Every structure is written in structure tokens, then in C-alpha cells.
Amino acid sequence: MTITLILNGKPFQLDGEPRIETLLTQTATEGRFVVALNGELLPRTCYATTFLQANDQIDILFPIAGG
């Protein structure tokens, strides 16, 4: 199954089971980050169980340190 999502403002084709966890694997996302689905932050405990639909908007956000 392939669906088109909006990932960080750009179209992205997600192959396989449409879950946040699958998306993170396909994009090789590692380190410290948070995921927002349609503007709502998701707890990490939901990544494996949150299913995605076509045209969902996902933002993967990384902390920026500075001073």
C-alpha cells in the first residue's frame, strides 16, 4: 500500500503499513525529535499504533540549541 502524505511541507510517498513508525523507518529519522500529526504533537508511545491517511500533514521537528 502506498499513500501520499505531506511531510515537513512536501509531498512524500509512504510505502507499507501507514503508521508513524513506518514513516520514521523509511525516512531514517534518529536522535531527538518530536512528531506532529495535523498540528498535534504525538507522544512517542503512539508512534507504533497511530495510523496515517492520505494527505495527512506530518512534521518531524528537531531541537535546536543556541544561545
PDB file of N, CA and C in Angstrom:
ATOM      1  N   MET A   1       0.841  -1.176   0.000  1.00  0.00           N
ATOM      2  CA  MET A   1       0.000   0.000   0.000  1.00  0.00           C
ATOM      3  C   MET A   1       0.889   1.242   0.000  1.00  0.00           C
ATOM      4  N   THR A   2       0.564   2.206  -0.835  1.00  0.00           N
ATOM      5  CA  THR A   2       1.290   3.470  -0.899  1.00  0.00           C
ATOM      6  C   THR A   2       0.295   4.603  -0.736  1.00  0.00           C
ATOM      7  N   ILE A   3       0.628   5.550   0.156  1.00  0.00           N
ATOM      8  CA  ILE A   3      -0.200   6.743   0.298  1.00  0.00           C
ATOM      9  C   ILE A   3       0.702   7.971   0.214  1.00  0.00           C
ATOM     10  N   THR A   4       0.104   9.089  -0.175  1.00  0.00           N
ATOM     11  CA  THR A   4       0.830  10.345  -0.241  1.00  0.00           C
ATOM     12  C   THR A   4       0.489  11.182   0.983  1.00  0.00           C
ATOM     13  N   LEU A   5       1.545  11.605   1.679  1.00  0.00           N
ATOM     14  CA  LEU A   5       1.422  12.452   2.861  1.00  0.00           C
ATOM     15  C   LEU A   5       2.096  13.784   2.574  1.00  0.00           C
ATOM     16  N   ILE A   6       1.908  14.734   3.448  1.00  0.00           N
ATOM     17  CA  ILE A   6       2.670  15.973   3.410  1.00  0.00           C
ATOM     18  C   ILE A   6       3.646  15.899   4.581  1.00  0.00           C
ATOM     19  N   LEU A   7       4.920  15.750   4.269  1.00  0.00           N
ATOM     20  CA  LEU A   7       5.961  15.608   5.283  1.00  0.00           C
ATOM     21  C   LEU A   7       6.820  16.859   5.288  1.00  0.00           C
ATOM     22  N   ASN A   8       6.794  17.577   6.385  1.00  0.00           N
ATOM     23  CA  ASN A   8       7.545  18.831   6.511  1.00  0.00           C
ATOM     24  C   ASN A   8       7.295  19.757   5.319  1.00  0.00           C
ATOM     25  N   GLY A   9       6.029  19.813   4.903  1.00  0.00           N
ATOM     26  CA  GLY A   9       5.618  20.740   3.854  1.00  0.00           C
ATOM     27  C   GLY A   9       5.762  20.252   2.427  1.00  0.00           C
ATOM     28  N   LYS A  10       6.237  19.001   2.227  1.00  0.00           N
ATOM     29  CA  LYS A  10       6.441  18.479   0.878  1.00  0.00           C
ATOM     30  C   LYS A  10       5.758  17.130   0.727  1.00  0.00           C
ATOM     31  N   PRO A  11       5.253  16.813  -0.468  1.00  0.00           N
ATOM     32  CA  PRO A  11       4.635  15.505  -0.683  1.00  0.00           C
ATOM     33  C   PRO A  11       5.648  14.381  -0.446  1.00  0.00           C
ATOM     34  N   PHE A  12       5.167  13.296   0.159  1.00  0.00           N
ATOM     35  CA  PHE A  12       6.016  12.140   0.453  1.00  0.00           C
ATOM     36  C   PHE A  12       5.191  10.881   0.233  1.00  0.00           C
ATOM     37  N   GLN A  13       5.753   9.931  -0.509  1.00  0.00           N
ATOM     38  CA  GLN A  13       5.101   8.647  -0.759  1.00  0.00           C
ATOM     39  C   GLN A  13       5.512   7.663   0.330  1.00  0.00           C
ATOM     40  N   LEU A  14       4.551   7.184   1.097  1.00  0.00           N
ATOM     41  CA  LEU A  14       4.813   6.215   2.158  1.00  0.00           C
ATOM     42  C   LEU A  14       4.411   4.835   1.678  1.00  0.00           C
ATOM     43  N   ASP A  15       5.368   3.911   1.667  1.00  0.00           N
ATOM     44  CA  ASP A  15       5.112   2.532   1.264  1.00  0.00           C
ATOM     45  C   ASP A  15       4.925   1.676   2.506  1.00  0.00           C
ATOM     46  N   GLY A  16       4.084   0.665   2.399  1.00  0.00           N
ATOM     47  CA  GLY A  16       3.890  -0.254   3.512  1.00  0.00           C
ATOM     48  C   GLY A  16       2.747   0.174   4.407  1.00  0.00           C
ATOM     49  N   GLU A  17       2.764  -0.374   5.618  1.00  0.00           N
ATOM     50  CA  GLU A  17       1.705  -0.084   6.575  1.00  0.00           C
ATOM     51  C   GLU A  17       1.749   1.392   6.956  1.00  0.00           C
ATOM     52  N   PRO A  18       0.632   2.110   6.810  1.00  0.00           N
ATOM     53  CA  PRO A  18       0.643   3.559   7.026  1.00  0.00           C
ATOM     54  C   PRO A  18       0.607   3.951   8.508  1.00  0.00           C
ATOM     55  N   ARG A  19       1.750   3.814   9.173  1.00  0.00           N
ATOM     56  CA  ARG A  19       1.865   4.192  10.577  1.00  0.00           C
ATOM     57  C   ARG A  19       3.025   5.164  10.740  1.00  0.00           C
ATOM     58  N   ILE A  20       3.004   5.935  11.822  1.00  0.00           N
ATOM     59  CA  ILE A  20       4.101   6.865  12.111  1.00  0.00           C
ATOM     60  C   ILE A  20       5.419   6.100  12.176  1.00  0.00           C
ATOM     61  N   GLU A  21       5.426   4.954  12.825  1.00  0.00           N
ATOM     62  CA  GLU A  21       6.636   4.144  12.965  1.00  0.00           C
ATOM     63  C   GLU A  21       7.229   3.777  11.602  1.00  0.00           C
ATOM     64  N   THR A  22       6.392   3.424  10.642  1.00  0.00           N
ATOM     65  CA  THR A  22       6.839   3.093   9.287  1.00  0.00           C
ATOM     66  C   THR A  22       7.470   4.314   8.626  1.00  0.00           C
ATOM     67  N   LEU A  23       6.837   5.460   8.786  1.00  0.00           N
ATOM     68  CA  LEU A  23       7.364   6.701   8.227  1.00  0.00           C
ATOM     69  C   LEU A  23       8.748   7.011   8.784  1.00  0.00           C
ATOM     70  N   LEU A  24       8.907   6.875  10.084  1.00  0.00           N
ATOM     71  CA  LEU A  24      10.195   7.171  10.717  1.00  0.00           C
ATOM     72  C   LEU A  24      11.280   6.212  10.233  1.00  0.00           C
ATOM     73  N   THR A  25      10.931   4.966   9.989  1.00  0.00           N
ATOM     74  CA  THR A  25      11.892   3.991   9.468  1.00  0.00           C
ATOM     75  C   THR A  25      12.287   4.349   8.037  1.00  0.00           C
ATOM     76  N   GLN A  26      11.300   4.665   7.201  1.00  0.00           N
ATOM     77  CA  GLN A  26      11.588   4.974   5.796  1.00  0.00           C
ATOM     78  C   GLN A  26      12.389   6.260   5.637  1.00  0.00           C
ATOM     79  N   THR A  27      12.243   7.181   6.551  1.00  0.00           N
ATOM     80  CA  THR A  27      12.996   8.435   6.457  1.00  0.00           C
ATOM     81  C   THR A  27      14.276   8.398   7.283  1.00  0.00           C
ATOM     82  N   ALA A  28      14.558   7.250   7.908  1.00  0.00           N
ATOM     83  CA  ALA A  28      15.772   7.051   8.728  1.00  0.00           C
ATOM     84  C   ALA A  28      15.910   8.142   9.784  1.00  0.00           C
ATOM     85  N   THR A  29      14.794   8.470  10.427  1.00  0.00           N
ATOM     86  CA  THR A  29      14.793   9.509  11.460  1.00  0.00           C
ATOM     87  C   THR A  29      15.362   8.939  12.754  1.00  0.00           C
ATOM     88  N   GLU A  30      16.380   9.606  13.284  1.00  0.00           N
ATOM     89  CA  GLU A  30      17.032   9.166  14.511  1.00  0.00           C
ATOM     90  C   GLU A  30      17.307  10.360  15.407  1.00  0.00           C
ATOM     91  N   GLY A  31      17.675  10.074  16.636  1.00  0.00           N
ATOM     92  CA  GLY A  31      18.042  11.133  17.572  1.00  0.00           C
ATOM     93  C   GLY A  31      16.839  11.672  18.310  1.00  0.00           C
ATOM     94  N   ARG A  32      16.979  12.910  18.752  1.00  0.00           N
ATOM     95  CA  ARG A  32      15.910  13.567  19.496  1.00  0.00           C
ATOM     96  C   ARG A  32      15.013  14.327  18.520  1.00  0.00           C
ATOM     97  N   PHE A  33      13.731  14.021  18.561  1.00  0.00           N
ATOM     98  CA  PHE A  33      12.765  14.667  17.678  1.00  0.00           C
ATOM     99  C   PHE A  33      11.368  14.485  18.249  1.00  0.00           C
ATOM    100  N   VAL A  34      10.439  15.262  17.739  1.00  0.00           N
ATOM    101  CA  VAL A  34       9.021  15.078  18.037  1.00  0.00           C
ATOM    102  C   VAL A  34       8.272  15.024  16.715  1.00  0.00           C
ATOM    103  N   VAL A  35       7.105  14.405  16.746  1.00  0.00           N
ATOM    104  CA  VAL A  35       6.283  14.282  15.552  1.00  0.00           C
ATOM    105  C   VAL A  35       4.946  14.965  15.808  1.00  0.00           C
ATOM    106  N   ALA A  36       4.542  15.796  14.856  1.00  0.00           N
ATOM    107  CA  ALA A  36       3.218  16.417  14.893  1.00  0.00           C
ATOM    108  C   ALA A  36       2.402  15.854  13.733  1.00  0.00           C
ATOM    109  N   LEU A  37       1.204  15.421  14.031  1.00  0.00           N
ATOM    110  CA  LEU A  37       0.283  14.906  13.025  1.00  0.00           C
ATOM    111  C   LEU A  37      -0.878  15.887  12.927  1.00  0.00           C
ATOM    112  N   ASN A  38      -1.007  16.509  11.771  1.00  0.00           N
ATOM    113  CA  ASN A  38      -2.064  17.506  11.539  1.00  0.00           C
ATOM    114  C   ASN A  38      -2.086  18.565  12.645  1.00  0.00           C
ATOM    115  N   GLY A  39      -0.879  19.000  13.042  1.00  0.00           N
ATOM    116  CA  GLY A  39      -0.751  20.081  14.000  1.00  0.00           C
ATOM    117  C   GLY A  39      -0.770  19.674  15.461  1.00  0.00           C
ATOM    118  N   GLU A  40      -0.936  18.387  15.760  1.00  0.00           N
ATOM    119  CA  GLU A  40      -0.984  17.913  17.143  1.00  0.00           C
ATOM    120  C   GLU A  40       0.248  17.065  17.446  1.00  0.00           C
ATOM    121  N   LEU A  41       0.981  17.409  18.512  1.00  0.00           N
ATOM    122  CA  LEU A  41       2.144  16.614  18.903  1.00  0.00           C
ATOM    123  C   LEU A  41       1.700  15.237  19.386  1.00  0.00           C
ATOM    124  N   LEU A  42       2.460  14.218  18.989  1.00  0.00           N
ATOM    125  CA  LEU A  42       2.159  12.848  19.394  1.00  0.00           C
ATOM    126  C   LEU A  42       3.175  12.357  20.414  1.00  0.00           C
ATOM    127  N   PRO A  43       2.719  11.663  21.450  1.00  0.00           N
ATOM    128  CA  PRO A  43       3.683  11.031  22.352  1.00  0.00           C
ATOM    129  C   PRO A  43       4.367   9.864  21.646  1.00  0.00           C
ATOM    130  N   ARG A  44       5.624   9.617  21.987  1.00  0.00           N
ATOM    131  CA  ARG A  44       6.374   8.510  21.369  1.00  0.00           C
ATOM    132  C   ARG A  44       5.653   7.173  21.510  1.00  0.00           C
ATOM    133  N   THR A  45       4.926   7.002  22.588  1.00  0.00           N
ATOM    134  CA  THR A  45       4.231   5.737  22.822  1.00  0.00           C
ATOM    135  C   THR A  45       3.154   5.466  21.769  1.00  0.00           C
ATOM    136  N   CYS A  46       2.790   6.466  20.998  1.00  0.00           N
ATOM    137  CA  CYS A  46       1.745   6.309  19.970  1.00  0.00           C
ATOM    138  C   CYS A  46       2.306   6.051  18.576  1.00  0.00           C
ATOM    139  N   TYR A  47       3.617   6.134  18.384  1.00  0.00           N
ATOM    140  CA  TYR A  47       4.184   6.018  17.039  1.00  0.00           C
ATOM    141  C   TYR A  47       3.854   4.672  16.385  1.00  0.00           C
ATOM    142  N   ALA A  48       3.862   3.602  17.144  1.00  0.00           N
ATOM    143  CA  ALA A  48       3.623   2.274  16.573  1.00  0.00           C
ATOM    144  C   ALA A  48       2.145   2.015  16.304  1.00  0.00           C
ATOM    145  N   THR A  49       1.271   2.751  16.955  1.00  0.00           N
ATOM    146  CA  THR A  49      -0.162   2.465  16.841  1.00  0.00           C
ATOM    147  C   THR A  49      -0.956   3.544  16.110  1.00  0.00           C
ATOM    148  N   THR A  50      -0.308   4.642  15.730  1.00  0.00           N
ATOM    149  CA  THR A  50      -1.014   5.723  15.038  1.00  0.00           C
ATOM    150  C   THR A  50      -0.963   5.496  13.535  1.00  0.00           C
ATOM    151  N   PHE A  51      -2.140   5.278  12.943  1.00  0.00           N
ATOM    152  CA  PHE A  51      -2.238   5.053  11.505  1.00  0.00           C
ATOM    153  C   PHE A  51      -2.437   6.376  10.777  1.00  0.00           C
ATOM    154  N   LEU A  52      -1.899   6.429   9.574  1.00  0.00           N
ATOM    155  CA  LEU A  52      -1.947   7.639   8.763  1.00  0.00           C
ATOM    156  C   LEU A  52      -2.925   7.459   7.611  1.00  0.00           C
ATOM    157  N   GLN A  53      -3.437   8.589   7.123  1.00  0.00           N
ATOM    158  CA  GLN A  53      -4.330   8.601   5.971  1.00  0.00           C
ATOM    159  C   GLN A  53      -3.734   9.504   4.903  1.00  0.00           C
ATOM    160  N   ALA A  54      -4.145   9.291   3.676  1.00  0.00           N
ATOM    161  CA  ALA A  54      -3.665  10.123   2.574  1.00  0.00           C
ATOM    162  C   ALA A  54      -3.895  11.589   2.905  1.00  0.00           C
ATOM    163  N   ASN A  55      -2.906  12.406   2.574  1.00  0.00           N
ATOM    164  CA  ASN A  55      -2.925  13.856   2.755  1.00  0.00           C
ATOM    165  C   ASN A  55      -2.784  14.319   4.199  1.00  0.00           C
ATOM    166  N   ASP A  56      -2.509  13.391   5.133  1.00  0.00           N
ATOM    167  CA  ASP A  56      -2.185  13.828   6.493  1.00  0.00           C
ATOM    168  C   ASP A  56      -0.938  14.697   6.430  1.00  0.00           C
ATOM    169  N   GLN A  57      -0.866  15.659   7.323  1.00  0.00           N
ATOM    170  CA  GLN A  57       0.305  16.530   7.397  1.00  0.00           C
ATOM    171  C   GLN A  57       1.134  16.130   8.604  1.00  0.00           C
ATOM    172  N   ILE A  58       2.374  15.718   8.335  1.00  0.00           N
ATOM    173  CA  ILE A  58       3.289  15.289   9.378  1.00  0.00           C
ATOM    174  C   ILE A  58       4.483  16.233   9.395  1.00  0.00           C
ATOM    175  N   ASP A  59       4.841  16.674  10.604  1.00  0.00           N
ATOM    176  CA  ASP A  59       6.052  17.475  10.786  1.00  0.00           C
ATOM    177  C   ASP A  59       6.947  16.733  11.750  1.00  0.00           C
ATOM    178  N   ILE A  60       8.196  16.520  11.352  1.00  0.00           N
ATOM    179  CA  ILE A  60       9.200  15.939  12.223  1.00  0.00           C
ATOM    180  C   ILE A  60      10.106  17.096  12.639  1.00  0.00           C
ATOM    181  N   LEU A  61      10.133  17.370  13.931  1.00  0.00           N
ATOM    182  CA  LEU A  61      10.823  18.538  14.443  1.00  0.00           C
ATOM    183  C   LEU A  61      11.978  18.128  15.328  1.00  0.00           C
ATOM    184  N   PHE A  62      13.119  18.777  15.126  1.00  0.00           N
ATOM    185  CA  PHE A  62      14.326  18.506  15.900  1.00  0.00           C
ATOM    186  C   PHE A  62      14.661  19.721  16.746  1.00  0.00           C
ATOM    187  N   PRO A  63      15.134  19.496  17.978  1.00  0.00           N
ATOM    188  CA  PRO A  63      15.505  20.642  18.817  1.00  0.00           C
ATOM    189  C   PRO A  63      16.734  21.354  18.260  1.00  0.00           C
ATOM    190  N   ILE A  64      16.777  22.647  18.477  1.00  0.00           N
ATOM    191  CA  ILE A  64      17.916  23.448  18.062  1.00  0.00           C
ATOM    192  C   ILE A  64      18.481  24.122  19.301  1.00  0.00           C
ATOM    193  N   ALA A  65      19.753  23.896  19.539  1.00  0.00           N
ATOM    194  CA  ALA A  65      20.407  24.520  20.694  1.00  0.00           C
ATOM    195  C   ALA A  65      21.081  25.812  20.255  1.00  0.00           C
ATOM    196  N   GLY A  66      21.084  26.746  21.094  1.00  0.00           N
ATOM    197  CA  GLY A  66      21.734  28.010  20.760  1.00  0.00           C
ATOM    198  C   GLY A  66      21.775  28.914  21.972  1.00  0.00           C
ATOM    199  N   GLY A  67      22.345  30.035  21.767  1.00  0.00           N
ATOM    200  CA  GLY A  67      22.425  30.920  22.923  1.00  0.00           C
ATOM    201  C   GLY A  67      22.586  32.352  22.543  1.00  0.00           C
TER     202      GLY A  67
END
